């Protein structure tokens, strides 16, 4: 999802694979199934008015379409491919822990906030938008947010 040329990357993985070897990769499913990232992303985007990335640009949800990665590895020369959906919960405990994790570790949010003025950063720190949205959606149980990947 982050490689500029995904087919070239898949071909290189296949090239260096030992005979009989296996490749395992994971990519995020669609944003609607990954509230753990869209909750904070929506808040940051609304407050900073960030431009939307083109669908083909490297990013978290670039490969979210089911079957895309499997097809990519088939184009790269693999014949026996499989795709499995994985679901789980991100357990943060509190909204503050979630906010800190996402804004200190998640590269897109770190980059966005590094360009923000103090007023915008303070809006984000208040968590008012993220907290209210999260409490009404999929994270009511002590901050456990659903995730879904391929």
C-alpha atoms as a PDB file:
ATOM      1  CA  UNK A   1       0.000   0.000   0.000  1.00  0.00           C
ATOM      2  CA  UNK A   2       2.961   2.324   0.518  1.00  0.00           C
ATOM      3  CA  UNK A   3       5.158   1.248  -2.417  1.00  0.00           C
ATOM      4  CA  UNK A   4       5.098   3.795  -5.252  1.00  0.00           C
ATOM      5  CA  UNK A   5       5.015   0.944  -7.810  1.00  0.00           C
ATOM      6  CA  UNK A   6       3.187  -1.989  -6.218  1.00  0.00           C
ATOM      7  CA  UNK A   7       3.671  -4.370  -9.151  1.00  0.00           C
ATOM      8  CA  UNK A   8       7.418  -3.710  -9.185  1.00  0.00           C
ATOM      9  CA  UNK A   9       7.519  -4.366  -5.423  1.00  0.00           C
ATOM     10  CA  UNK A  10       5.554  -7.624  -5.800  1.00  0.00           C
ATOM     11  CA  UNK A  11       7.846  -8.761  -8.622  1.00  0.00           C
ATOM     12  CA  UNK A  12      10.898  -8.081  -6.465  1.00  0.00           C
ATOM     13  CA  UNK A  13       9.405 -10.076  -3.571  1.00  0.00           C
ATOM     14  CA  UNK A  14       8.757 -12.975  -5.947  1.00  0.00           C
ATOM     15  CA  UNK A  15      12.258 -12.682  -7.439  1.00  0.00           C
ATOM     16  CA  UNK A  16      14.005 -13.023  -4.080  1.00  0.00           C
ATOM     17  CA  UNK A  17      11.681 -15.747  -2.796  1.00  0.00           C
ATOM     18  CA  UNK A  18      13.439 -19.081  -2.299  1.00  0.00           C
ATOM     19  CA  UNK A  19      12.020 -22.012  -4.289  1.00  0.00           C
ATOM     20  CA  UNK A  20       9.042 -23.383  -2.368  1.00  0.00           C
ATOM     21  CA  UNK A  21       8.952 -20.281  -0.169  1.00  0.00           C
ATOM     22  CA  UNK A  22       5.895 -18.334   0.900  1.00  0.00           C
ATOM     23  CA  UNK A  23       5.066 -14.639   1.017  1.00  0.00           C
ATOM     24  CA  UNK A  24       2.635 -13.150   3.530  1.00  0.00           C
ATOM     25  CA  UNK A  25       1.518  -9.524   3.403  1.00  0.00           C
ATOM     26  CA  UNK A  26      -1.287  -7.585   5.029  1.00  0.00           C
ATOM     27  CA  UNK A  27      -3.119  -4.458   3.925  1.00  0.00           C
ATOM     28  CA  UNK A  28      -6.026  -2.578   5.462  1.00  0.00           C
ATOM     29  CA  UNK A  29      -9.556  -3.208   4.327  1.00  0.00           C
ATOM     30  CA  UNK A  30     -11.844  -0.253   3.432  1.00  0.00           C
ATOM     31  CA  UNK A  31     -11.976   2.800   5.735  1.00  0.00           C
ATOM     32  CA  UNK A  32     -15.539   1.973   6.826  1.00  0.00           C
ATOM     33  CA  UNK A  33     -14.224  -1.238   8.421  1.00  0.00           C
ATOM     34  CA  UNK A  34     -11.313   0.489  10.177  1.00  0.00           C
ATOM     35  CA  UNK A  35     -12.867   3.041  12.485  1.00  0.00           C
ATOM     36  CA  UNK A  36      -9.717   3.036  14.630  1.00  0.00           C
ATOM     37  CA  UNK A  37      -8.026   5.199  12.006  1.00  0.00           C
ATOM     38  CA  UNK A  38     -10.925   7.064  10.415  1.00  0.00           C
ATOM     39  CA  UNK A  39     -12.117   8.540  13.731  1.00  0.00           C
ATOM     40  CA  UNK A  40      -8.932  10.504  14.273  1.00  0.00           C
ATOM     41  CA  UNK A  41      -8.298  11.008  10.571  1.00  0.00           C
ATOM     42  CA  UNK A  42     -11.684  12.618  10.078  1.00  0.00           C
ATOM     43  CA  UNK A  43     -11.111  14.975  12.996  1.00  0.00           C
ATOM     44  CA  UNK A  44      -7.687  16.030  11.727  1.00  0.00           C
ATOM     45  CA  UNK A  45      -8.914  16.396   8.148  1.00  0.00           C
ATOM     46  CA  UNK A  46     -11.901  18.534   9.213  1.00  0.00           C
ATOM     47  CA  UNK A  47      -9.760  20.851  11.316  1.00  0.00           C
ATOM     48  CA  UNK A  48      -6.861  21.147   8.887  1.00  0.00           C
ATOM     49  CA  UNK A  49      -8.796  20.814   5.625  1.00  0.00           C
ATOM     50  CA  UNK A  50      -6.230  18.427   4.155  1.00  0.00           C
ATOM     51  CA  UNK A  51      -6.570  17.629   0.450  1.00  0.00           C
ATOM     52  CA  UNK A  52      -7.742  14.123  -0.390  1.00  0.00           C
ATOM     53  CA  UNK A  53      -5.109  11.835  -1.898  1.00  0.00           C
ATOM     54  CA  UNK A  54      -5.751  10.356  -5.341  1.00  0.00           C
ATOM     55  CA  UNK A  55      -6.894   6.687  -5.023  1.00  0.00           C
ATOM     56  CA  UNK A  56      -3.687   5.402  -6.669  1.00  0.00           C
ATOM     57  CA  UNK A  57      -1.377   7.362  -4.326  1.00  0.00           C
ATOM     58  CA  UNK A  58       0.484   5.389  -1.646  1.00  0.00           C
ATOM     59  CA  UNK A  59      -1.588   5.318   1.521  1.00  0.00           C
ATOM     60  CA  UNK A  60      -3.300   3.199   4.145  1.00  0.00           C
ATOM     61  CA  UNK A  61      -6.365   2.260   2.114  1.00  0.00           C
ATOM     62  CA  UNK A  62      -4.816   2.083  -1.334  1.00  0.00           C
ATOM     63  CA  UNK A  63      -5.077  -1.716  -1.403  1.00  0.00           C
ATOM     64  CA  UNK A  64      -8.398  -2.031   0.410  1.00  0.00           C
ATOM     65  CA  UNK A  65     -10.280  -3.530  -2.518  1.00  0.00           C
ATOM     66  CA  UNK A  66     -10.735  -7.261  -1.990  1.00  0.00           C
ATOM     67  CA  UNK A  67      -8.668  -9.357  -4.390  1.00  0.00           C
ATOM     68  CA  UNK A  68      -6.303  -6.532  -5.371  1.00  0.00           C
ATOM     69  CA  UNK A  69      -3.201  -7.934  -3.657  1.00  0.00           C
ATOM     70  CA  UNK A  70      -3.946 -11.465  -4.784  1.00  0.00           C
ATOM     71  CA  UNK A  71      -4.210 -10.273  -8.396  1.00  0.00           C
ATOM     72  CA  UNK A  72      -1.005  -8.257  -8.004  1.00  0.00           C
ATOM     73  CA  UNK A  73       0.972 -11.313  -6.876  1.00  0.00           C
ATOM     74  CA  UNK A  74      -0.517 -13.358  -9.702  1.00  0.00           C
ATOM     75  CA  UNK A  75       0.669 -10.676 -12.152  1.00  0.00           C
ATOM     76  CA  UNK A  76       4.085 -10.918 -10.496  1.00  0.00           C
ATOM     77  CA  UNK A  77       4.225 -14.635 -11.327  1.00  0.00           C
ATOM     78  CA  UNK A  78       2.798 -16.498  -8.332  1.00  0.00           C
ATOM     79  CA  UNK A  79       0.267 -19.190  -9.192  1.00  0.00           C
ATOM     80  CA  UNK A  80      -1.022 -20.364  -5.804  1.00  0.00           C
ATOM     81  CA  UNK A  81      -2.312 -17.298  -3.959  1.00  0.00           C
ATOM     82  CA  UNK A  82      -4.835 -16.923  -1.172  1.00  0.00           C
ATOM     83  CA  UNK A  83      -6.538 -14.017   0.555  1.00  0.00           C
ATOM     84  CA  UNK A  84      -7.920 -14.161   4.096  1.00  0.00           C
ATOM     85  CA  UNK A  85      -9.869 -11.481   5.962  1.00  0.00           C
ATOM     86  CA  UNK A  86      -8.628 -10.789   9.500  1.00  0.00           C
ATOM     87  CA  UNK A  87     -10.612  -8.853  12.114  1.00  0.00           C
ATOM     88  CA  UNK A  88      -9.783  -7.722  15.608  1.00  0.00           C
ATOM     89  CA  UNK A  89      -9.973  -4.945  18.178  1.00  0.00           C
ATOM     90  CA  UNK A  90      -7.509  -2.184  18.957  1.00  0.00           C
ATOM     91  CA  UNK A  91      -7.572  -1.808  22.758  1.00  0.00           C
ATOM     92  CA  UNK A  92      -6.438   1.638  23.892  1.00  0.00           C
ATOM     93  CA  UNK A  93      -8.185   1.944  27.239  1.00  0.00           C
ATOM     94  CA  UNK A  94      -8.949   5.676  27.019  1.00  0.00           C
ATOM     95  CA  UNK A  95      -9.519   8.343  24.406  1.00  0.00           C
ATOM     96  CA  UNK A  96      -6.346  10.112  25.548  1.00  0.00           C
ATOM     97  CA  UNK A  97      -4.215   7.006  25.018  1.00  0.00           C
ATOM     98  CA  UNK A  98      -5.777   6.588  21.572  1.00  0.00           C
ATOM     99  CA  UNK A  99      -5.127  10.240  20.654  1.00  0.00           C
ATOM    100  CA  UNK A 100      -1.510  10.092  21.829  1.00  0.00           C
ATOM    101  CA  UNK A 101      -0.817   6.834  20.008  1.00  0.00           C
ATOM    102  CA  UNK A 102      -2.288   8.061  16.745  1.00  0.00           C
ATOM    103  CA  UNK A 103      -0.730  11.530  16.801  1.00  0.00           C
ATOM    104  CA  UNK A 104       2.726  10.452  17.973  1.00  0.00           C
ATOM    105  CA  UNK A 105       3.184   7.206  16.026  1.00  0.00           C
ATOM    106  CA  UNK A 106       0.923   7.115  12.943  1.00  0.00           C
ATOM    107  CA  UNK A 107       3.026   8.741  10.227  1.00  0.00           C
ATOM    108  CA  UNK A 108       0.220  10.467   8.281  1.00  0.00           C
ATOM    109  CA  UNK A 109      -1.122  12.127  11.429  1.00  0.00           C
ATOM    110  CA  UNK A 110       2.321  13.050  12.751  1.00  0.00           C
ATOM    111  CA  UNK A 111       3.101  14.697   9.409  1.00  0.00           C
ATOM    112  CA  UNK A 112      -0.222  16.531   9.259  1.00  0.00           C
ATOM    113  CA  UNK A 113       0.068  17.858  12.799  1.00  0.00           C
ATOM    114  CA  UNK A 114       3.696  18.892  12.309  1.00  0.00           C
ATOM    115  CA  UNK A 115       2.403  21.517   9.853  1.00  0.00           C
ATOM    116  CA  UNK A 116      -0.430  22.676  12.101  1.00  0.00           C
ATOM    117  CA  UNK A 117      -0.470  25.967  13.952  1.00  0.00           C
ATOM    118  CA  UNK A 118      -0.906  26.001  17.733  1.00  0.00           C
ATOM    119  CA  UNK A 119      -4.636  26.771  17.525  1.00  0.00           C
ATOM    120  CA  UNK A 120      -5.280  23.747  15.319  1.00  0.00           C
ATOM    121  CA  UNK A 121      -3.154  21.488  17.511  1.00  0.00           C
ATOM    122  CA  UNK A 122      -5.077  22.645  20.578  1.00  0.00           C
ATOM    123  CA  UNK A 123      -8.370  21.833  18.854  1.00  0.00           C
ATOM    124  CA  UNK A 124      -7.107  18.318  18.273  1.00  0.00           C
ATOM    125  CA  UNK A 125      -5.765  17.930  21.777  1.00  0.00           C
ATOM    126  CA  UNK A 126      -9.160  18.745  23.207  1.00  0.00           C
ATOM    127  CA  UNK A 127     -10.457  15.535  21.610  1.00  0.00           C
ATOM    128  CA  UNK A 128     -13.964  16.928  21.633  1.00  0.00           C
ATOM    129  CA  UNK A 129     -14.733  15.820  18.090  1.00  0.00           C
ATOM    130  CA  UNK A 130     -12.970  12.460  18.288  1.00  0.00           C
ATOM    131  CA  UNK A 131     -14.331  11.568  21.729  1.00  0.00           C
ATOM    132  CA  UNK A 132     -17.936  12.304  20.867  1.00  0.00           C
ATOM    133  CA  UNK A 133     -17.748  10.503  17.545  1.00  0.00           C
ATOM    134  CA  UNK A 134     -16.022   7.463  19.029  1.00  0.00           C
ATOM    135  CA  UNK A 135     -18.398   7.184  21.969  1.00  0.00           C
ATOM    136  CA  UNK A 136     -21.343   7.018  19.560  1.00  0.00           C
ATOM    137  CA  UNK A 137     -19.812   4.497  17.166  1.00  0.00           C
ATOM    138  CA  UNK A 138     -17.906   1.240  17.348  1.00  0.00           C
ATOM    139  CA  UNK A 139     -15.747   2.013  20.372  1.00  0.00           C
ATOM    140  CA  UNK A 140     -18.123   2.118  23.351  1.00  0.00           C
ATOM    141  CA  UNK A 141     -16.329  -0.618  25.358  1.00  0.00           C
ATOM    142  CA  UNK A 142     -13.476   1.187  27.095  1.00  0.00           C
ATOM    143  CA  UNK A 143     -12.006   2.259  23.832  1.00  0.00           C
ATOM    144  CA  UNK A 144     -11.807  -0.920  21.775  1.00  0.00           C
ATOM    145  CA  UNK A 145     -11.980  -0.041  18.088  1.00  0.00           C
ATOM    146  CA  UNK A 146     -12.639  -2.559  15.336  1.00  0.00           C
ATOM    147  CA  UNK A 147     -10.093  -3.139  12.587  1.00  0.00           C
ATOM    148  CA  UNK A 148     -10.213  -5.230   9.462  1.00  0.00           C
ATOM    149  CA  UNK A 149      -7.469  -6.189   7.037  1.00  0.00           C
ATOM    150  CA  UNK A 150      -6.744  -8.580   4.198  1.00  0.00           C
END
